[in-house]
Amino acid sequence: GFVMNLQPSEAEAGFDIRVPPTADPEDLERRIAEEWAPSSRNMTFEVRILHSFVSVFGFDGNT
């Protein structure tokens, strides 16, 4: 049911972040940890690569 002014114990959000193949995935994770989900906010995150691709040049897009 509905309860006014009740803060839930947890919440979940998803983000679709697209970066160029030349982007450093470790740098992106570090930035998320420092700016978006610092431990002082009692937040955690996980990074999942859902789709891999091969560029027109034949290189794996995740490297």
PDB file of N, CA and C in Angstrom:
ATOM      1  N   GLY A   1       0.804  -1.181   0.000  1.00  0.00           N
ATOM      2  CA  GLY A   1       0.000   0.000   0.000  1.00  0.00           C
ATOM      3  C   GLY A   1       0.852   1.251   0.000  1.00  0.00           C
ATOM      4  N   PHE A   2       0.232   2.370   0.117  1.00  0.00           N
ATOM      5  CA  PHE A   2       0.886   3.672   0.088  1.00  0.00           C
ATOM      6  C   PHE A   2       1.151   4.171   1.497  1.00  0.00           C
ATOM      7  N   VAL A   3       2.378   4.617   1.740  1.00  0.00           N
ATOM      8  CA  VAL A   3       2.735   5.225   3.016  1.00  0.00           C
ATOM      9  C   VAL A   3       3.458   6.529   2.705  1.00  0.00           C
ATOM     10  N   MET A   4       2.963   7.649   3.232  1.00  0.00           N
ATOM     11  CA  MET A   4       3.566   8.944   2.964  1.00  0.00           C
ATOM     12  C   MET A   4       4.835   9.141   3.798  1.00  0.00           C
ATOM     13  N   ASN A   5       5.834   9.798   3.215  1.00  0.00           N
ATOM     14  CA  ASN A   5       7.086  10.155   3.876  1.00  0.00           C
ATOM     15  C   ASN A   5       7.892   8.951   4.361  1.00  0.00           C
ATOM     16  N   LEU A   6       7.806   7.857   3.688  1.00  0.00           N
ATOM     17  CA  LEU A   6       8.592   6.684   4.049  1.00  0.00           C
ATOM     18  C   LEU A   6       9.734   6.542   3.055  1.00  0.00           C
ATOM     19  N   GLN A   7      10.951   6.480   3.572  1.00  0.00           N
ATOM     20  CA  GLN A   7      12.116   6.306   2.713  1.00  0.00           C
ATOM     21  C   GLN A   7      12.389   4.810   2.563  1.00  0.00           C
ATOM     22  N   PRO A   8      12.442   4.304   1.338  1.00  0.00           N
ATOM     23  CA  PRO A   8      12.688   2.870   1.152  1.00  0.00           C
ATOM     24  C   PRO A   8      14.092   2.495   1.607  1.00  0.00           C
ATOM     25  N   SER A   9      14.263   1.251   2.005  1.00  0.00           N
ATOM     26  CA  SER A   9      15.569   0.792   2.472  1.00  0.00           C
ATOM     27  C   SER A   9      16.558   0.645   1.331  1.00  0.00           C
ATOM     28  N   GLU A  10      16.063   0.443   0.126  1.00  0.00           N
ATOM     29  CA  GLU A  10      16.968   0.353  -1.020  1.00  0.00           C
ATOM     30  C   GLU A  10      16.222   0.734  -2.285  1.00  0.00           C
ATOM     31  N   ALA A  11      16.998   1.100  -3.288  1.00  0.00           N
ATOM     32  CA  ALA A  11      16.450   1.451  -4.595  1.00  0.00           C
ATOM     33  C   ALA A  11      17.426   0.962  -5.656  1.00  0.00           C
ATOM     34  N   GLU A  12      16.947   0.847  -6.855  1.00  0.00           N
ATOM     35  CA  GLU A  12      17.788   0.364  -7.947  1.00  0.00           C
ATOM     36  C   GLU A  12      17.528   1.222  -9.175  1.00  0.00           C
ATOM     37  N   ALA A  13      18.601   1.535  -9.899  1.00  0.00           N
ATOM     38  CA  ALA A  13      18.488   2.316 -11.129  1.00  0.00           C
ATOM     39  C   ALA A  13      19.420   1.713 -12.168  1.00  0.00           C
ATOM     40  N   GLY A  14      19.067   1.858 -13.405  1.00  0.00           N
ATOM     41  CA  GLY A  14      19.915   1.371 -14.487  1.00  0.00           C
ATOM     42  C   GLY A  14      20.245   2.505 -15.438  1.00  0.00           C
ATOM     43  N   PHE A  15      21.441   2.473 -15.973  1.00  0.00           N
ATOM     44  CA  PHE A  15      21.883   3.493 -16.914  1.00  0.00           C
ATOM     45  C   PHE A  15      22.477   2.816 -18.136  1.00  0.00           C
ATOM     46  N   ASP A  16      22.154   3.315 -19.288  1.00  0.00           N
ATOM     47  CA  ASP A  16      22.728   2.839 -20.542  1.00  0.00           C
ATOM     48  C   ASP A  16      23.790   3.856 -20.932  1.00  0.00           C
ATOM     49  N   ILE A  17      25.033   3.535 -20.658  1.00  0.00           N
ATOM     50  CA  ILE A  17      26.138   4.452 -20.932  1.00  0.00           C
ATOM     51  C   ILE A  17      26.899   3.926 -22.137  1.00  0.00           C
ATOM     52  N   ARG A  18      26.971   4.731 -23.159  1.00  0.00           N
ATOM     53  CA  ARG A  18      27.678   4.326 -24.374  1.00  0.00           C
ATOM     54  C   ARG A  18      28.918   5.194 -24.524  1.00  0.00           C
ATOM     55  N   VAL A  19      30.030   4.545 -24.721  1.00  0.00           N
ATOM     56  CA  VAL A  19      31.302   5.246 -24.846  1.00  0.00           C
ATOM     57  C   VAL A  19      32.002   4.774 -26.112  1.00  0.00           C
ATOM     58  N   PRO A  20      32.911   5.579 -26.639  1.00  0.00           N
ATOM     59  CA  PRO A  20      33.646   5.149 -27.830  1.00  0.00           C
ATOM     60  C   PRO A  20      34.577   3.990 -27.498  1.00  0.00           C
ATOM     61  N   PRO A  21      34.934   3.206 -28.494  1.00  0.00           N
ATOM     62  CA  PRO A  21      35.812   2.052 -28.258  1.00  0.00           C
ATOM     63  C   PRO A  21      37.165   2.428 -27.657  1.00  0.00           C
ATOM     64  N   THR A  22      37.576   3.660 -27.834  1.00  0.00           N
ATOM     65  CA  THR A  22      38.872   4.094 -27.316  1.00  0.00           C
ATOM     66  C   THR A  22      38.812   4.503 -25.846  1.00  0.00           C
ATOM     67  N   ALA A  23      37.613   4.557 -25.265  1.00  0.00           N
ATOM     68  CA  ALA A  23      37.463   4.959 -23.862  1.00  0.00           C
ATOM     69  C   ALA A  23      38.051   3.901 -22.939  1.00  0.00           C
ATOM     70  N   ASP A  24      38.632   4.364 -21.847  1.00  0.00           N
ATOM     71  CA  ASP A  24      39.232   3.470 -20.856  1.00  0.00           C
ATOM     72  C   ASP A  24      38.149   3.033 -19.870  1.00  0.00           C
ATOM     73  N   PRO A  25      37.762   1.744 -19.869  1.00  0.00           N
ATOM     74  CA  PRO A  25      36.690   1.299 -18.970  1.00  0.00           C
ATOM     75  C   PRO A  25      37.038   1.455 -17.494  1.00  0.00           C
ATOM     76  N   GLU A  26      38.312   1.308 -17.137  1.00  0.00           N
ATOM     77  CA  GLU A  26      38.716   1.482 -15.736  1.00  0.00           C
ATOM     78  C   GLU A  26      38.554   2.933 -15.307  1.00  0.00           C
ATOM     79  N   ASP A  27      38.840   3.866 -16.214  1.00  0.00           N
ATOM     80  CA  ASP A  27      38.670   5.285 -15.913  1.00  0.00           C
ATOM     81  C   ASP A  27      37.192   5.609 -15.709  1.00  0.00           C
ATOM     82  N   LEU A  28      36.325   5.017 -16.522  1.00  0.00           N
ATOM     83  CA  LEU A  28      34.891   5.232 -16.367  1.00  0.00           C
ATOM     84  C   LEU A  28      34.401   4.697 -15.026  1.00  0.00           C
ATOM     85  N   GLU A  29      34.821   3.496 -14.650  1.00  0.00           N
ATOM     86  CA  GLU A  29      34.427   2.929 -13.354  1.00  0.00           C
ATOM     87  C   GLU A  29      34.933   3.784 -12.202  1.00  0.00           C
ATOM     88  N   ARG A  30      36.155   4.280 -12.300  1.00  0.00           N
ATOM     89  CA  ARG A  30      36.726   5.129 -11.253  1.00  0.00           C
ATOM     90  C   ARG A  30      35.911   6.421 -11.123  1.00  0.00           C
ATOM     91  N   ARG A  31      35.532   7.001 -12.248  1.00  0.00           N
ATOM     92  CA  ARG A  31      34.756   8.242 -12.208  1.00  0.00           C
ATOM     93  C   ARG A  31      33.378   8.015 -11.586  1.00  0.00           C
ATOM     94  N   ILE A  32      32.739   6.908 -11.933  1.00  0.00           N
ATOM     95  CA  ILE A  32      31.439   6.590 -11.327  1.00  0.00           C
ATOM     96  C   ILE A  32      31.592   6.428  -9.821  1.00  0.00           C
ATOM     97  N   ALA A  33      32.620   5.704  -9.401  1.00  0.00           N
ATOM     98  CA  ALA A  33      32.838   5.467  -7.969  1.00  0.00           C
ATOM     99  C   ALA A  33      33.094   6.767  -7.211  1.00  0.00           C
ATOM    100  N   GLU A  34      33.835   7.685  -7.808  1.00  0.00           N
ATOM    101  CA  GLU A  34      34.197   8.922  -7.115  1.00  0.00           C
ATOM    102  C   GLU A  34      33.093   9.976  -7.162  1.00  0.00           C
ATOM    103  N   GLU A  35      32.422  10.114  -8.310  1.00  0.00           N
ATOM    104  CA  GLU A  35      31.480  11.217  -8.490  1.00  0.00           C
ATOM    105  C   GLU A  35      30.021  10.828  -8.299  1.00  0.00           C
ATOM    106  N   TRP A  36      29.642   9.635  -8.714  1.00  0.00           N
ATOM    107  CA  TRP A  36      28.227   9.269  -8.695  1.00  0.00           C
ATOM    108  C   TRP A  36      27.859   8.387  -7.514  1.00  0.00           C
ATOM    109  N   ALA A  37      28.741   7.501  -7.118  1.00  0.00           N
ATOM    110  CA  ALA A  37      28.390   6.526  -6.073  1.00  0.00           C
ATOM    111  C   ALA A  37      29.484   6.400  -5.024  1.00  0.00           C
ATOM    112  N   PRO A  38      29.871   7.518  -4.395  1.00  0.00           N
ATOM    113  CA  PRO A  38      30.900   7.402  -3.361  1.00  0.00           C
ATOM    114  C   PRO A  38      30.379   6.622  -2.156  1.00  0.00           C
ATOM    115  N   SER A  39      31.277   5.970  -1.463  1.00  0.00           N
ATOM    116  CA  SER A  39      30.869   5.163  -0.305  1.00  0.00           C
ATOM    117  C   SER A  39      30.219   6.021   0.781  1.00  0.00           C
ATOM    118  N   SER A  40      30.534   7.314   0.828  1.00  0.00           N
ATOM    119  CA  SER A  40      29.920   8.192   1.830  1.00  0.00           C
ATOM    120  C   SER A  40      28.408   8.312   1.628  1.00  0.00           C
ATOM    121  N   ARG A  41      27.924   8.021   0.445  1.00  0.00           N
ATOM    122  CA  ARG A  41      26.483   8.051   0.171  1.00  0.00           C
ATOM    123  C   ARG A  41      25.837   6.686   0.384  1.00  0.00           C
ATOM    124  N   ASN A  42      26.637   5.718   0.821  1.00  0.00           N
ATOM    125  CA  ASN A  42      26.147   4.359   1.046  1.00  0.00           C
ATOM    126  C   ASN A  42      25.549   3.781  -0.234  1.00  0.00           C
ATOM    127  N   MET A  43      26.260   3.989  -1.351  1.00  0.00           N
ATOM    128  CA  MET A  43      25.809   3.502  -2.648  1.00  0.00           C
ATOM    129  C   MET A  43      26.814   2.504  -3.197  1.00  0.00           C
ATOM    130  N   THR A  44      26.314   1.555  -3.925  1.00  0.00           N
ATOM    131  CA  THR A  44      27.175   0.607  -4.626  1.00  0.00           C
ATOM    132  C   THR A  44      26.753   0.575  -6.089  1.00  0.00           C
ATOM    133  N   PHE A  45      27.633   0.044  -6.926  1.00  0.00           N
ATOM    134  CA  PHE A  45      27.303  -0.073  -8.341  1.00  0.00           C
ATOM    135  C   PHE A  45      28.038  -1.263  -8.926  1.00  0.00           C
ATOM    136  N   GLU A  46      27.549  -1.706 -10.048  1.00  0.00           N
ATOM    137  CA  GLU A  46      28.246  -2.742 -10.797  1.00  0.00           C
ATOM    138  C   GLU A  46      28.177  -2.376 -12.269  1.00  0.00           C
ATOM    139  N   VAL A  47      29.213  -2.727 -12.988  1.00  0.00           N
ATOM    140  CA  VAL A  47      29.282  -2.460 -14.419  1.00  0.00           C
ATOM    141  C   VAL A  47      29.121  -3.783 -15.143  1.00  0.00           C
ATOM    142  N   ARG A  48      28.188  -3.809 -16.073  1.00  0.00           N
ATOM    143  CA  ARG A  48      27.987  -5.006 -16.889  1.00  0.00           C
ATOM    144  C   ARG A  48      28.056  -4.607 -18.354  1.00  0.00           C
ATOM    145  N   ILE A  49      28.892  -5.277 -19.098  1.00  0.00           N
ATOM    146  CA  ILE A  49      28.943  -5.063 -20.541  1.00  0.00           C
ATOM    147  C   ILE A  49      27.936  -6.030 -21.149  1.00  0.00           C
ATOM    148  N   LEU A  50      26.879  -5.475 -21.712  1.00  0.00           N
ATOM    149  CA  LEU A  50      25.797  -6.311 -22.211  1.00  0.00           C
ATOM    150  C   LEU A  50      26.000  -6.743 -23.659  1.00  0.00           C
ATOM    151  N   HIS A  51      26.628  -5.895 -24.442  1.00  0.00           N
ATOM    152  CA  HIS A  51      26.792  -6.225 -25.853  1.00  0.00           C
ATOM    153  C   HIS A  51      28.215  -5.924 -26.291  1.00  0.00           C
ATOM    154  N   SER A  52      28.772  -6.853 -26.977  1.00  0.00           N
ATOM    155  CA  SER A  52      30.086  -6.673 -27.574  1.00  0.00           C
ATOM    156  C   SER A  52      29.864  -6.405 -29.056  1.00  0.00           C
ATOM    157  N   PHE A  53      30.799  -5.737 -29.669  1.00  0.00           N
ATOM    158  CA  PHE A  53      30.670  -5.528 -31.099  1.00  0.00           C
ATOM    159  C   PHE A  53      32.047  -5.568 -31.737  1.00  0.00           C
ATOM    160  N   VAL A  54      32.058  -5.760 -33.019  1.00  0.00           N
ATOM    161  CA  VAL A  54      33.296  -5.742 -33.790  1.00  0.00           C
ATOM    162  C   VAL A  54      33.198  -4.571 -34.746  1.00  0.00           C
ATOM    163  N   SER A  55      34.231  -3.744 -34.757  1.00  0.00           N
ATOM    164  CA  SER A  55      34.218  -2.560 -35.604  1.00  0.00           C
ATOM    165  C   SER A  55      34.357  -2.956 -37.072  1.00  0.00           C
ATOM    166  N   VAL A  56      34.178  -1.980 -37.931  1.00  0.00           N
ATOM    167  CA  VAL A  56      34.317  -2.237 -39.368  1.00  0.00           C
ATOM    168  C   VAL A  56      35.746  -2.619 -39.728  1.00  0.00           C
ATOM    169  N   PHE A  57      36.686  -2.361 -38.821  1.00  0.00           N
ATOM    170  CA  PHE A  57      38.082  -2.715 -39.059  1.00  0.00           C
ATOM    171  C   PHE A  57      38.421  -4.099 -38.519  1.00  0.00           C
ATOM    172  N   GLY A  58      37.438  -4.773 -37.910  1.00  0.00           N
ATOM    173  CA  GLY A  58      37.655  -6.123 -37.413  1.00  0.00           C
ATOM    174  C   GLY A  58      38.160  -6.206 -35.988  1.00  0.00           C
ATOM    175  N   PHE A  59      38.209  -5.076 -35.268  1.00  0.00           N
ATOM    176  CA  PHE A  59      38.690  -5.082 -33.891  1.00  0.00           C
ATOM    177  C   PHE A  59      37.521  -5.230 -32.930  1.00  0.00           C
ATOM    178  N   ASP A  60      37.756  -5.918 -31.825  1.00  0.00           N
ATOM    179  CA  ASP A  60      36.746  -6.036 -30.775  1.00  0.00           C
ATOM    180  C   ASP A  60      36.522  -4.649 -30.189  1.00  0.00           C
ATOM    181  N   GLY A  61      35.281  -4.198 -30.140  1.00  0.00           N
ATOM    182  CA  GLY A  61      34.972  -2.862 -29.653  1.00  0.00           C
ATOM    183  C   GLY A  61      35.123  -2.686 -28.162  1.00  0.00           C
ATOM    184  N   ASN A  62      35.308  -3.773 -27.402  1.00  0.00           N
ATOM    185  CA  ASN A  62      35.435  -3.663 -25.946  1.00  0.00           C
ATOM    186  C   ASN A  62      36.879  -3.600 -25.485  1.00  0.00           C
ATOM    187  N   THR A  63      37.813  -3.547 -26.384  1.00  0.00           N
ATOM    188  CA  THR A  63      39.218  -3.474 -25.976  1.00  0.00           C
ATOM    189  C   THR A  63      39.799  -2.137 -26.308  1.00  0.00           C
TER     190      THR A  63
END
